[in-house]
Amino acid sequence: MDKFAFIIHPLEAKDVAKKFGFAKYLPDRLIEWGLKKLPAFKASHITGVKSPYNEVEGYFITCPLTTRQMVELPEEFVLGKIIEAGKVAEKLGAKIVGLGAFTSVVGDAGITVAKNLNIAVTTGNSYTVATALEGTKKAAAIMGHDLKKANVVVIGAAGSIGKVAARFMAKEVKNLTLVGRNLAKLEPVADLILKESGLAVAITDNVKKSLKEADIVITVTSSVDTIIEPEDLKPGAVVCDVSRPRDVSKEVAKLRDDVLVIEGGVVEVPGDVEFNLNFGFPPKTSYACMAETMILTLEGRFENFSLGRDMELEKVEEISRLAQKHGFKVGGFRSFERAISSEEIEKIRKNALKKSVFAT
């Protein structure tokens, strides 16, 4: 049976307490000091990933560094720790390893890691984008938006992921605005979309103004600070935040019970899968980046798939086809690092309707 591996890491120091209870009594910096000394290790054995065509197994490998450490520590050190985790995957017999969370962001987004391993590497970004866009369309429908009538905004549209998202959405919408800091970089994207789909899109460098009338927002910037605040959004808006660090302020979740913020889709994994690790999702579901590694393994595609900062629309479409073939599908949504229930979404929809009525 073919094997895959997926590298994970604690997002914050307090996450360490989930595995080591005593850590909740220690200051964050002391925990991080200890993590630096800790070698990469196998976190769990994944079983039961089965499609109509194949069955595979895998492992979660922990790279013991928090997000803050990955940002603050020397890049060479961090990459060394990620490669070390990849070597653990090799020893366990994995033929491909996926890079999770910030391990896919550090340095050149997986290229250096791949060069230092003897197995294939993927960041999972292609399927992450595919499910984010699919999730956005599903969320928009639930919130009552007609794609043909909705005002759709893509922030960061000049970047590799934003460009793909804009091209993808242009096939199904009629009102599309591309937002970026540099209008000169947006113009070629607008020209490409016009050539591909016949849609004339608007371009702007004014984020706040574009958000005021937006029904659907896809945001994919490289900003280190949040750019979307509670007062920026109209009632009923759907925002898909693909960025890490996130573009949407946590204050939106606290203060706006009438807008739906998602980070992409929760993926249903085929088979009787057991992850043997609690990462906050319902049973038998995973992040899209994890799923991409499983899909490629089921397909026997042991090759570097999603690497680097540039993204290809063709790969997003290809991994979507392979996902459908093997029985993966978007089964729900996540918001601010947790799964969000259909009941919660229904409350948001009702709140949006009430505020829209009062506004008129």
Foldseek 3Di string as FASTA:
>chain_A
DAEEEEEDEAQFQCVVCVVVVVSVVPDRVVSQVVLLVDAKAWDFKKAWQAFPQDGYIYTYIYLYHHPVCCVPPDLVSSLVSVLRSVVNRVVVRHQEYEYDDCSQVGDFRCPVSCVSDPHAYEPLVLLLLLQLLVVLVVLLVLLPHQQAPFAEEEEPCLFQSNLLSQLVSLQRYAAYEYEYQDVVSVVVSQVVSCVPRVHRYHYDPDPLVSQDRGQEYEYEHADPEADAELVSHAFNHEYAFCYVVTNYDPVNVVPQLRYHYFPGFWKARDTQMDNVDCQAAPPRTDRSSVVLRVLCVSVVNTHHQHTGRHDDSVSSVVSVVSCVNRPMDGDATHDPRHTDDPVSSVSNSVVSVVVVVVVD
